[in-house]
Amino acid sequence: MCGLCGALGGESHWSTNIEDPEQAHFARRRARAYRVTLINRVLSPRRITIEDFQAASFVLATATGKREIVQDLGGVWLQAERMGGHELDPLDPAFLASLQ
């Protein structure tokens, strides 16, 4: 997908719902930044990073420089598995130990 298509995508994922319409813009930005921080902690053992892209999508990158744009959090995990070449099992004891 090109960068423009990624930027035009909507915030339709269930995890992006903000209740207060007056604070929605600021709350959404803070929530996205927090999610990116947490996801980077989870992906770091696989040497994959995630960045927010225009508050509309995410960019995954490997240590070798490969980059992919994904629309929402559901796509992040699938693409991270493809880029890393390994399934991400959040209950794997070795994986959990690497987060500590």
PDB file of N, CA and C in Angstrom:
ATOM      1  N   MET A   1       0.854  -1.172   0.000  1.00  0.00           N
ATOM      2  CA  MET A   1       0.000   0.000   0.000  1.00  0.00           C
ATOM      3  C   MET A   1       0.892   1.225   0.000  1.00  0.00           C
ATOM      4  N   CYS A   2       0.541   2.230  -0.767  1.00  0.00           N
ATOM      5  CA  CYS A   2       1.322   3.467  -0.788  1.00  0.00           C
ATOM      6  C   CYS A   2       1.009   4.299   0.453  1.00  0.00           C
ATOM      7  N   GLY A   3       1.887   5.259   0.744  1.00  0.00           N
ATOM      8  CA  GLY A   3       1.715   6.099   1.922  1.00  0.00           C
ATOM      9  C   GLY A   3       0.437   6.898   1.909  1.00  0.00           C
ATOM     10  N   LEU A   4      -0.005   7.353   0.733  1.00  0.00           N
ATOM     11  CA  LEU A   4      -1.221   8.157   0.660  1.00  0.00           C
ATOM     12  C   LEU A   4      -2.447   7.333   1.052  1.00  0.00           C
ATOM     13  N   CYS A   5      -2.532   6.109   0.583  1.00  0.00           N
ATOM     14  CA  CYS A   5      -3.668   5.265   0.958  1.00  0.00           C
ATOM     15  C   CYS A   5      -3.672   5.013   2.460  1.00  0.00           C
ATOM     16  N   GLY A   6      -2.488   4.827   3.054  1.00  0.00           N
ATOM     17  CA  GLY A   6      -2.400   4.631   4.489  1.00  0.00           C
ATOM     18  C   GLY A   6      -2.847   5.857   5.260  1.00  0.00           C
ATOM     19  N   ALA A   7      -2.534   7.045   4.737  1.00  0.00           N
ATOM     20  CA  ALA A   7      -2.902   8.284   5.418  1.00  0.00           C
ATOM     21  C   ALA A   7      -4.396   8.559   5.312  1.00  0.00           C
ATOM     22  N   LEU A   8      -5.046   8.077   4.282  1.00  0.00           N
ATOM     23  CA  LEU A   8      -6.468   8.339   4.091  1.00  0.00           C
ATOM     24  C   LEU A   8      -7.364   7.325   4.788  1.00  0.00           C
ATOM     25  N   GLY A   9      -6.782   6.292   5.357  1.00  0.00           N
ATOM     26  CA  GLY A   9      -7.577   5.284   6.051  1.00  0.00           C
ATOM     27  C   GLY A   9      -8.220   5.858   7.298  1.00  0.00           C
ATOM     28  N   GLY A  10      -9.313   5.264   7.709  1.00  0.00           N
ATOM     29  CA  GLY A  10     -10.034   5.778   8.859  1.00  0.00           C
ATOM     30  C   GLY A  10      -9.593   5.143  10.163  1.00  0.00           C
ATOM     31  N   GLU A  11     -10.112   5.653  11.242  1.00  0.00           N
ATOM     32  CA  GLU A  11      -9.856   5.135  12.583  1.00  0.00           C
ATOM     33  C   GLU A  11     -10.984   4.191  12.961  1.00  0.00           C
ATOM     34  N   SER A  12     -11.173   3.132  12.250  1.00  0.00           N
ATOM     35  CA  SER A  12     -12.325   2.273  12.454  1.00  0.00           C
ATOM     36  C   SER A  12     -12.070   1.100  13.395  1.00  0.00           C
ATOM     37  N   HIS A  13     -10.851   0.935  13.886  1.00  0.00           N
ATOM     38  CA  HIS A  13     -10.557  -0.189  14.766  1.00  0.00           C
ATOM     39  C   HIS A  13     -11.199   0.054  16.124  1.00  0.00           C
ATOM     40  N   TRP A  14     -11.694  -0.984  16.766  1.00  0.00           N
ATOM     41  CA  TRP A  14     -12.409  -0.859  18.040  1.00  0.00           C
ATOM     42  C   TRP A  14     -11.568  -0.210  19.123  1.00  0.00           C
ATOM     43  N   SER A  15     -10.253  -0.346  19.050  1.00  0.00           N
ATOM     44  CA  SER A  15      -9.381   0.182  20.101  1.00  0.00           C
ATOM     45  C   SER A  15      -9.213   1.691  20.051  1.00  0.00           C
ATOM     46  N   THR A  16      -9.736   2.353  19.030  1.00  0.00           N
ATOM     47  CA  THR A  16      -9.547   3.791  18.877  1.00  0.00           C
ATOM     48  C   THR A  16     -10.755   4.603  19.312  1.00  0.00           C
ATOM     49  N   ASN A  17     -11.757   3.976  19.908  1.00  0.00           N
ATOM     50  CA  ASN A  17     -12.971   4.683  20.312  1.00  0.00           C
ATOM     51  C   ASN A  17     -12.695   5.606  21.497  1.00  0.00           C
ATOM     52  N   ILE A  18     -13.045   6.899  21.368  1.00  0.00           N
ATOM     53  CA  ILE A  18     -12.901   7.887  22.430  1.00  0.00           C
ATOM     54  C   ILE A  18     -14.289   8.434  22.727  1.00  0.00           C
ATOM     55  N   GLU A  19     -14.687   8.424  23.988  1.00  0.00           N
ATOM     56  CA  GLU A  19     -16.042   8.807  24.376  1.00  0.00           C
ATOM     57  C   GLU A  19     -16.306  10.312  24.320  1.00  0.00           C
ATOM     58  N   ASP A  20     -15.394  11.151  24.835  1.00  0.00           N
ATOM     59  CA  ASP A  20     -15.617  12.584  24.945  1.00  0.00           C
ATOM     60  C   ASP A  20     -15.264  13.286  23.634  1.00  0.00           C
ATOM     61  N   PRO A  21     -16.247  13.785  22.868  1.00  0.00           N
ATOM     62  CA  PRO A  21     -15.962  14.389  21.569  1.00  0.00           C
ATOM     63  C   PRO A  21     -15.117  15.659  21.662  1.00  0.00           C
ATOM     64  N   GLU A  22     -15.209  16.399  22.778  1.00  0.00           N
ATOM     65  CA  GLU A  22     -14.424  17.627  22.917  1.00  0.00           C
ATOM     66  C   GLU A  22     -12.938  17.335  23.109  1.00  0.00           C
ATOM     67  N   GLN A  23     -12.629  16.219  23.702  1.00  0.00           N
ATOM     68  CA  GLN A  23     -11.237  15.852  23.957  1.00  0.00           C
ATOM     69  C   GLN A  23     -10.744  14.754  23.018  1.00  0.00           C
ATOM     70  N   ALA A  24     -11.550  14.402  22.051  1.00  0.00           N
ATOM     71  CA  ALA A  24     -11.246  13.247  21.204  1.00  0.00           C
ATOM     72  C   ALA A  24      -9.901  13.366  20.508  1.00  0.00           C
ATOM     73  N   HIS A  25      -9.600  14.511  19.920  1.00  0.00           N
ATOM     74  CA  HIS A  25      -8.347  14.656  19.171  1.00  0.00           C
ATOM     75  C   HIS A  25      -7.137  14.444  20.085  1.00  0.00           C
ATOM     76  N   PHE A  26      -7.114  15.132  21.224  1.00  0.00           N
ATOM     77  CA  PHE A  26      -5.975  15.030  22.136  1.00  0.00           C
ATOM     78  C   PHE A  26      -5.909  13.651  22.788  1.00  0.00           C
ATOM     79  N   ALA A  27      -7.058  13.138  23.186  1.00  0.00           N
ATOM     80  CA  ALA A  27      -7.088  11.819  23.810  1.00  0.00           C
ATOM     81  C   ALA A  27      -6.650  10.738  22.828  1.00  0.00           C
ATOM     82  N   ARG A  28      -7.068  10.854  21.584  1.00  0.00           N
ATOM     83  CA  ARG A  28      -6.690   9.867  20.570  1.00  0.00           C
ATOM     84  C   ARG A  28      -5.179   9.888  20.341  1.00  0.00           C
ATOM     85  N   ARG A  29      -4.600  11.080  20.267  1.00  0.00           N
ATOM     86  CA  ARG A  29      -3.144  11.196  20.071  1.00  0.00           C
ATOM     87  C   ARG A  29      -2.385  10.584  21.247  1.00  0.00           C
ATOM     88  N   ARG A  30      -2.816  10.887  22.472  1.00  0.00           N
ATOM     89  CA  ARG A  30      -2.159  10.331  23.654  1.00  0.00           C
ATOM     90  C   ARG A  30      -2.303   8.812  23.686  1.00  0.00           C
ATOM     91  N   ALA A  31      -3.491   8.325  23.374  1.00  0.00           N
ATOM     92  CA  ALA A  31      -3.737   6.882  23.388  1.00  0.00           C
ATOM     93  C   ALA A  31      -2.892   6.179  22.331  1.00  0.00           C
ATOM     94  N   ARG A  32      -2.787   6.760  21.153  1.00  0.00           N
ATOM     95  CA  ARG A  32      -1.968   6.162  20.085  1.00  0.00           C
ATOM     96  C   ARG A  32      -0.506   6.125  20.501  1.00  0.00           C
ATOM     97  N   ALA A  33      -0.020   7.215  21.092  1.00  0.00           N
ATOM     98  CA  ALA A  33       1.381   7.273  21.526  1.00  0.00           C
ATOM     99  C   ALA A  33       1.653   6.212  22.596  1.00  0.00           C
ATOM    100  N   TYR A  34       0.710   6.045  23.512  1.00  0.00           N
ATOM    101  CA  TYR A  34       0.865   5.036  24.558  1.00  0.00           C
ATOM    102  C   TYR A  34       0.866   3.633  23.959  1.00  0.00           C
ATOM    103  N   ARG A  35      -0.039   3.365  23.019  1.00  0.00           N
ATOM    104  CA  ARG A  35      -0.076   2.045  22.378  1.00  0.00           C
ATOM    105  C   ARG A  35       1.218   1.765  21.628  1.00  0.00           C
ATOM    106  N   VAL A  36       1.750   2.765  20.936  1.00  0.00           N
ATOM    107  CA  VAL A  36       3.004   2.584  20.204  1.00  0.00           C
ATOM    108  C   VAL A  36       4.130   2.230  21.168  1.00  0.00           C
ATOM    109  N   THR A  37       4.183   2.900  22.322  1.00  0.00           N
ATOM    110  CA  THR A  37       5.203   2.599  23.328  1.00  0.00           C
ATOM    111  C   THR A  37       5.091   1.152  23.802  1.00  0.00           C
ATOM    112  N   LEU A  38       3.869   0.720  24.114  1.00  0.00           N
ATOM    113  CA  LEU A  38       3.677  -0.658  24.578  1.00  0.00           C
ATOM    114  C   LEU A  38       4.009  -1.671  23.499  1.00  0.00           C
ATOM    115  N   ILE A  39       3.556  -1.425  22.287  1.00  0.00           N
ATOM    116  CA  ILE A  39       3.810  -2.369  21.194  1.00  0.00           C
ATOM    117  C   ILE A  39       5.308  -2.471  20.917  1.00  0.00           C
ATOM    118  N   ASN A  40       6.027  -1.353  20.989  1.00  0.00           N
ATOM    119  CA  ASN A  40       7.475  -1.399  20.787  1.00  0.00           C
ATOM    120  C   ASN A  40       8.156  -2.262  21.838  1.00  0.00           C
ATOM    121  N   ARG A  41       7.658  -2.245  23.068  1.00  0.00           N
ATOM    122  CA  ARG A  41       8.216  -3.129  24.107  1.00  0.00           C
ATOM    123  C   ARG A  41       7.994  -4.593  23.746  1.00  0.00           C
ATOM    124  N   VAL A  42       6.827  -4.893  23.203  1.00  0.00           N
ATOM    125  CA  VAL A  42       6.506  -6.272  22.844  1.00  0.00           C
ATOM    126  C   VAL A  42       7.303  -6.723  21.621  1.00  0.00           C
ATOM    127  N   LEU A  43       7.488  -5.835  20.658  1.00  0.00           N
ATOM    128  CA  LEU A  43       8.167  -6.202  19.417  1.00  0.00           C
ATOM    129  C   LEU A  43       9.694  -6.140  19.508  1.00  0.00           C
ATOM    130  N   SER A  44      10.232  -5.469  20.508  1.00  0.00           N
ATOM    131  CA  SER A  44      11.684  -5.270  20.571  1.00  0.00           C
ATOM    132  C   SER A  44      12.492  -6.568  20.578  1.00  0.00           C
ATOM    133  N   PRO A  45      12.049  -7.635  21.237  1.00  0.00           N
ATOM    134  CA  PRO A  45      12.841  -8.874  21.161  1.00  0.00           C
ATOM    135  C   PRO A  45      12.933  -9.427  19.732  1.00  0.00           C
ATOM    136  N   ARG A  46      12.000  -9.076  18.883  1.00  0.00           N
ATOM    137  CA  ARG A  46      12.020  -9.530  17.479  1.00  0.00           C
ATOM    138  C   ARG A  46      12.741  -8.530  16.573  1.00  0.00           C
ATOM    139  N   ARG A  47      13.262  -7.444  17.190  1.00  0.00           N
ATOM    140  CA  ARG A  47      13.973  -6.396  16.447  1.00  0.00           C
ATOM    141  C   ARG A  47      13.078  -5.748  15.396  1.00  0.00           C
ATOM    142  N   ILE A  48      11.835  -5.520  15.778  1.00  0.00           N
ATOM    143  CA  ILE A  48      10.862  -4.818  14.945  1.00  0.00           C
ATOM    144  C   ILE A  48      10.380  -3.614  15.741  1.00  0.00           C
ATOM    145  N   THR A  49      10.213  -2.484  15.064  1.00  0.00           N
ATOM    146  CA  THR A  49       9.699  -1.282  15.724  1.00  0.00           C
ATOM    147  C   THR A  49       8.439  -0.811  15.005  1.00  0.00           C
ATOM    148  N   ILE A  50       7.666  -0.001  15.706  1.00  0.00           N
ATOM    149  CA  ILE A  50       6.447   0.570  15.143  1.00  0.00           C
ATOM    150  C   ILE A  50       6.472   2.072  15.387  1.00  0.00           C
ATOM    151  N   GLU A  51       5.976   2.836  14.412  1.00  0.00           N
ATOM    152  CA  GLU A  51       5.823   4.280  14.530  1.00  0.00           C
ATOM    153  C   GLU A  51       4.411   4.654  14.114  1.00  0.00           C
ATOM    154  N   ASP A  52       3.901   5.700  14.720  1.00  0.00           N
ATOM    155  CA  ASP A  52       2.615   6.263  14.303  1.00  0.00           C
ATOM    156  C   ASP A  52       2.850   7.027  13.006  1.00  0.00           C
ATOM    157  N   PHE A  53       1.962   6.883  12.044  1.00  0.00           N
ATOM    158  CA  PHE A  53       2.083   7.592  10.770  1.00  0.00           C
ATOM    159  C   PHE A  53       0.861   8.478  10.575  1.00  0.00           C
ATOM    160  N   GLN A  54       1.040   9.775  10.813  1.00  0.00           N
ATOM    161  CA  GLN A  54      -0.010  10.768  10.581  1.00  0.00           C
ATOM    162  C   GLN A  54      -1.291  10.481  11.365  1.00  0.00           C
ATOM    163  N   ALA A  55      -1.189   9.798  12.473  1.00  0.00           N
ATOM    164  CA  ALA A  55      -2.343   9.439  13.306  1.00  0.00           C
ATOM    165  C   ALA A  55      -3.420   8.696  12.518  1.00  0.00           C
ATOM    166  N   ALA A  56      -3.016   8.073  11.421  1.00  0.00           N
ATOM    167  CA  ALA A  56      -3.973   7.358  10.581  1.00  0.00           C
ATOM    168  C   ALA A  56      -3.596   5.900  10.375  1.00  0.00           C
ATOM    169  N   SER A  57      -2.328   5.574  10.508  1.00  0.00           N
ATOM    170  CA  SER A  57      -1.868   4.206  10.329  1.00  0.00           C
ATOM    171  C   SER A  57      -0.551   4.051  11.085  1.00  0.00           C
ATOM    172  N   PHE A  58       0.086   2.906  10.929  1.00  0.00           N
ATOM    173  CA  PHE A  58       1.336   2.624  11.621  1.00  0.00           C
ATOM    174  C   PHE A  58       2.363   2.147  10.598  1.00  0.00           C
ATOM    175  N   VAL A  59       3.647   2.377  10.907  1.00  0.00           N
ATOM    176  CA  VAL A  59       4.738   1.888  10.074  1.00  0.00           C
ATOM    177  C   VAL A  59       5.560   0.925  10.914  1.00  0.00           C
ATOM    178  N   LEU A  60       5.668  -0.297  10.432  1.00  0.00           N
ATOM    179  CA  LEU A  60       6.518  -1.306  11.059  1.00  0.00           C
ATOM    180  C   LEU A  60       7.854  -1.314  10.342  1.00  0.00           C
ATOM    181  N   ALA A  61       8.934  -1.484  11.093  1.00  0.00           N
ATOM    182  CA  ALA A  61      10.264  -1.529  10.496  1.00  0.00           C
ATOM    183  C   ALA A  61      11.097  -2.613  11.163  1.00  0.00           C
ATOM    184  N   THR A  62      11.905  -3.286  10.354  1.00  0.00           N
ATOM    185  CA  THR A  62      12.823  -4.298  10.887  1.00  0.00           C
ATOM    186  C   THR A  62      14.202  -3.671  11.050  1.00  0.00           C
ATOM    187  N   ALA A  63      15.091  -4.391  11.721  1.00  0.00           N
ATOM    188  CA  ALA A  63      16.459  -3.914  11.919  1.00  0.00           C
ATOM    189  C   ALA A  63      17.213  -3.809  10.604  1.00  0.00           C
ATOM    190  N   THR A  64      16.756  -4.539   9.589  1.00  0.00           N
ATOM    191  CA  THR A  64      17.429  -4.505   8.292  1.00  0.00           C
ATOM    192  C   THR A  64      16.879  -3.408   7.381  1.00  0.00           C
ATOM    193  N   GLY A  65      15.886  -2.652   7.856  1.00  0.00           N
ATOM    194  CA  GLY A  65      15.371  -1.527   7.091  1.00  0.00           C
ATOM    195  C   GLY A  65      14.088  -1.781   6.331  1.00  0.00           C
ATOM    196  N   LYS A  66      13.561  -2.978   6.380  1.00  0.00           N
ATOM    197  CA  LYS A  66      12.292  -3.255   5.708  1.00  0.00           C
ATOM    198  C   LYS A  66      11.180  -2.520   6.446  1.00  0.00           C
ATOM    199  N   ARG A  67      10.290  -1.848   5.698  1.00  0.00           N
ATOM    200  CA  ARG A  67       9.211  -1.071   6.290  1.00  0.00           C
ATOM    201  C   ARG A  67       7.890  -1.413   5.619  1.00  0.00           C
ATOM    202  N   GLU A  68       6.839  -1.469   6.432  1.00  0.00           N
ATOM    203  CA  GLU A  68       5.495  -1.748   5.932  1.00  0.00           C
ATOM    204  C   GLU A  68       4.495  -0.851   6.650  1.00  0.00           C
ATOM    205  N   ILE A  69       3.510  -0.350   5.911  1.00  0.00           N
ATOM    206  CA  ILE A  69       2.429   0.442   6.492  1.00  0.00           C
ATOM    207  C   ILE A  69       1.262  -0.482   6.790  1.00  0.00           C
ATOM    208  N   VAL A  70       0.696  -0.347   8.001  1.00  0.00           N
ATOM    209  CA  VAL A  70      -0.490  -1.117   8.374  1.00  0.00           C
ATOM    210  C   VAL A  70      -1.551  -0.144   8.884  1.00  0.00           C
ATOM    211  N   GLN A  71      -2.802  -0.500   8.689  1.00  0.00           N
ATOM    212  CA  GLN A  71      -3.918   0.386   9.011  1.00  0.00           C
ATOM    213  C   GLN A  71      -4.251   0.457  10.494  1.00  0.00           C
ATOM    214  N   ASP A  72      -4.263  -0.687  11.189  1.00  0.00           N
ATOM    215  CA  ASP A  72      -4.737  -0.701  12.566  1.00  0.00           C
ATOM    216  C   ASP A  72      -3.969  -1.739  13.377  1.00  0.00           C
ATOM    217  N   LEU A  73      -4.314  -1.839  14.642  1.00  0.00           N
ATOM    218  CA  LEU A  73      -3.584  -2.754  15.523  1.00  0.00           C
ATOM    219  C   LEU A  73      -3.710  -4.207  15.109  1.00  0.00           C
ATOM    220  N   GLY A  74      -4.846  -4.593  14.569  1.00  0.00           N
ATOM    221  CA  GLY A  74      -5.004  -5.962  14.091  1.00  0.00           C
ATOM    222  C   GLY A  74      -3.996  -6.289  13.007  1.00  0.00           C
ATOM    223  N   GLY A  75      -3.746  -5.354  12.133  1.00  0.00           N
ATOM    224  CA  GLY A  75      -2.775  -5.539  11.061  1.00  0.00           C
ATOM    225  C   GLY A  75      -1.337  -5.533  11.543  1.00  0.00           C
ATOM    226  N   VAL A  76      -1.089  -4.851  12.657  1.00  0.00           N
ATOM    227  CA  VAL A  76       0.272  -4.777  13.198  1.00  0.00           C
ATOM    228  C   VAL A  76       0.802  -6.168  13.510  1.00  0.00           C
ATOM    229  N   TRP A  77       0.004  -6.957  14.216  1.00  0.00           N
ATOM    230  CA  TRP A  77       0.494  -8.269  14.650  1.00  0.00           C
ATOM    231  C   TRP A  77       0.711  -9.210  13.474  1.00  0.00           C
ATOM    232  N   LEU A  78      -0.209  -9.211  12.532  1.00  0.00           N
ATOM    233  CA  LEU A  78      -0.069 -10.076  11.357  1.00  0.00           C
ATOM    234  C   LEU A  78       1.177  -9.692  10.552  1.00  0.00           C
ATOM    235  N   GLN A  79       1.360  -8.396  10.317  1.00  0.00           N
ATOM    236  CA  GLN A  79       2.507  -7.948   9.529  1.00  0.00           C
ATOM    237  C   GLN A  79       3.812  -8.170  10.294  1.00  0.00           C
ATOM    238  N   ALA A  80       3.813  -7.996  11.616  1.00  0.00           N
ATOM    239  CA  ALA A  80       5.025  -8.242  12.406  1.00  0.00           C
ATOM    240  C   ALA A  80       5.441  -9.705  12.311  1.00  0.00           C
ATOM    241  N   GLU A  81       4.469 -10.610  12.309  1.00  0.00           N
ATOM    242  CA  GLU A  81       4.792 -12.026  12.151  1.00  0.00           C
ATOM    243  C   GLU A  81       5.397 -12.291  10.770  1.00  0.00           C
ATOM    244  N   ARG A  82       4.830 -11.674   9.753  1.00  0.00           N
ATOM    245  CA  ARG A  82       5.360 -11.858   8.389  1.00  0.00           C
ATOM    246  C   ARG A  82       6.768 -11.294   8.266  1.00  0.00           C
ATOM    247  N   MET A  83       6.979 -10.108   8.803  1.00  0.00           N
ATOM    248  CA  MET A  83       8.288  -9.461   8.683  1.00  0.00           C
ATOM    249  C   MET A  83       9.351 -10.173   9.509  1.00  0.00           C
ATOM    250  N   GLY A  84       8.968 -10.666  10.677  1.00  0.00           N
ATOM    251  CA  GLY A  84       9.922 -11.338  11.551  1.00  0.00           C
ATOM    252  C   GLY A  84      10.157 -12.786  11.207  1.00  0.00           C
ATOM    253  N   GLY A  85       9.243 -13.350  10.429  1.00  0.00           N
ATOM    254  CA  GLY A  85       9.386 -14.741  10.035  1.00  0.00           C
ATOM    255  C   GLY A  85       9.017 -15.736  11.124  1.00  0.00           C
ATOM    256  N   HIS A  86       8.444 -15.234  12.233  1.00  0.00           N
ATOM    257  CA  HIS A  86       8.054 -16.107  13.345  1.00  0.00           C
ATOM    258  C   HIS A  86       6.685 -15.700  13.841  1.00  0.00           C
ATOM    259  N   GLU A  87       5.952 -16.682  14.322  1.00  0.00           N
ATOM    260  CA  GLU A  87       4.661 -16.394  14.944  1.00  0.00           C
ATOM    261  C   GLU A  87       4.903 -15.697  16.280  1.00  0.00           C
ATOM    262  N   LEU A  88       4.098 -14.697  16.579  1.00  0.00           N
ATOM    263  CA  LEU A  88       4.178 -14.015  17.868  1.00  0.00           C
ATOM    264  C   LEU A  88       3.192 -14.673  18.822  1.00  0.00           C
ATOM    265  N   ASP A  89       3.727 -15.424  19.763  1.00  0.00           N
ATOM    266  CA  ASP A  89       2.896 -16.089  20.762  1.00  0.00           C
ATOM    267  C   ASP A  89       3.047 -15.329  22.070  1.00  0.00           C
ATOM    268  N   PRO A  90       2.038 -14.554  22.474  1.00  0.00           N
ATOM    269  CA  PRO A  90       2.177 -13.738  23.680  1.00  0.00           C
ATOM    270  C   PRO A  90       2.273 -14.548  24.968  1.00  0.00           C
ATOM    271  N   LEU A  91       1.988 -15.837  24.917  1.00  0.00           N
ATOM    272  CA  LEU A  91       2.071 -16.669  26.114  1.00  0.00           C
ATOM    273  C   LEU A  91       3.325 -17.549  26.146  1.00  0.00           C
ATOM    274  N   ASP A  92       4.175 -17.428  25.151  1.00  0.00           N
ATOM    275  CA  ASP A  92       5.410 -18.195  25.121  1.00  0.00           C
ATOM    276  C   ASP A  92       6.301 -17.775  26.292  1.00  0.00           C
ATOM    277  N   PRO A  93       6.713 -18.727  27.153  1.00  0.00           N
ATOM    278  CA  PRO A  93       7.523 -18.365  28.341  1.00  0.00           C
ATOM    279  C   PRO A  93       8.806 -17.607  27.988  1.00  0.00           C
ATOM    280  N   ALA A  94       9.480 -17.992  26.922  1.00  0.00           N
ATOM    281  CA  ALA A  94      10.705 -17.290  26.530  1.00  0.00           C
ATOM    282  C   ALA A  94      10.404 -15.860  26.107  1.00  0.00           C
ATOM    283  N   PHE A  95       9.297 -15.689  25.399  1.00  0.00           N
ATOM    284  CA  PHE A  95       8.890 -14.355  24.975  1.00  0.00           C
ATOM    285  C   PHE A  95       8.554 -13.493  26.189  1.00  0.00           C
ATOM    286  N   LEU A  96       7.796 -14.032  27.142  1.00  0.00           N
ATOM    287  CA  LEU A  96       7.433 -13.283  28.349  1.00  0.00           C
ATOM    288  C   LEU A  96       8.670 -12.914  29.154  1.00  0.00           C
ATOM    289  N   ALA A  97       9.639 -13.823  29.233  1.00  0.00           N
ATOM    290  CA  ALA A  97      10.864 -13.551  29.973  1.00  0.00           C
ATOM    291  C   ALA A  97      11.677 -12.441  29.294  1.00  0.00           C
ATOM    292  N   SER A  98      11.603 -12.357  27.978  1.00  0.00           N
ATOM    293  CA  SER A  98      12.372 -11.338  27.257  1.00  0.00           C
ATOM    294  C   SER A  98      11.809  -9.932  27.480  1.00  0.00           C
ATOM    295  N   LEU A  99      10.566  -9.832  27.937  1.00  0.00           N
ATOM    296  CA  LEU A  99       9.953  -8.529  28.182  1.00  0.00           C
ATOM    297  C   LEU A  99      10.375  -7.940  29.525  1.00  0.00           C
ATOM    298  N   GLN A 100      10.960  -8.733  30.383  1.00  0.00           N
ATOM    299  CA  GLN A 100      11.292  -8.276  31.742  1.00  0.00           C
ATOM    300  C   GLN A 100      12.582  -7.551  31.838  1.00  0.00           C
TER     301      GLN A 100
END
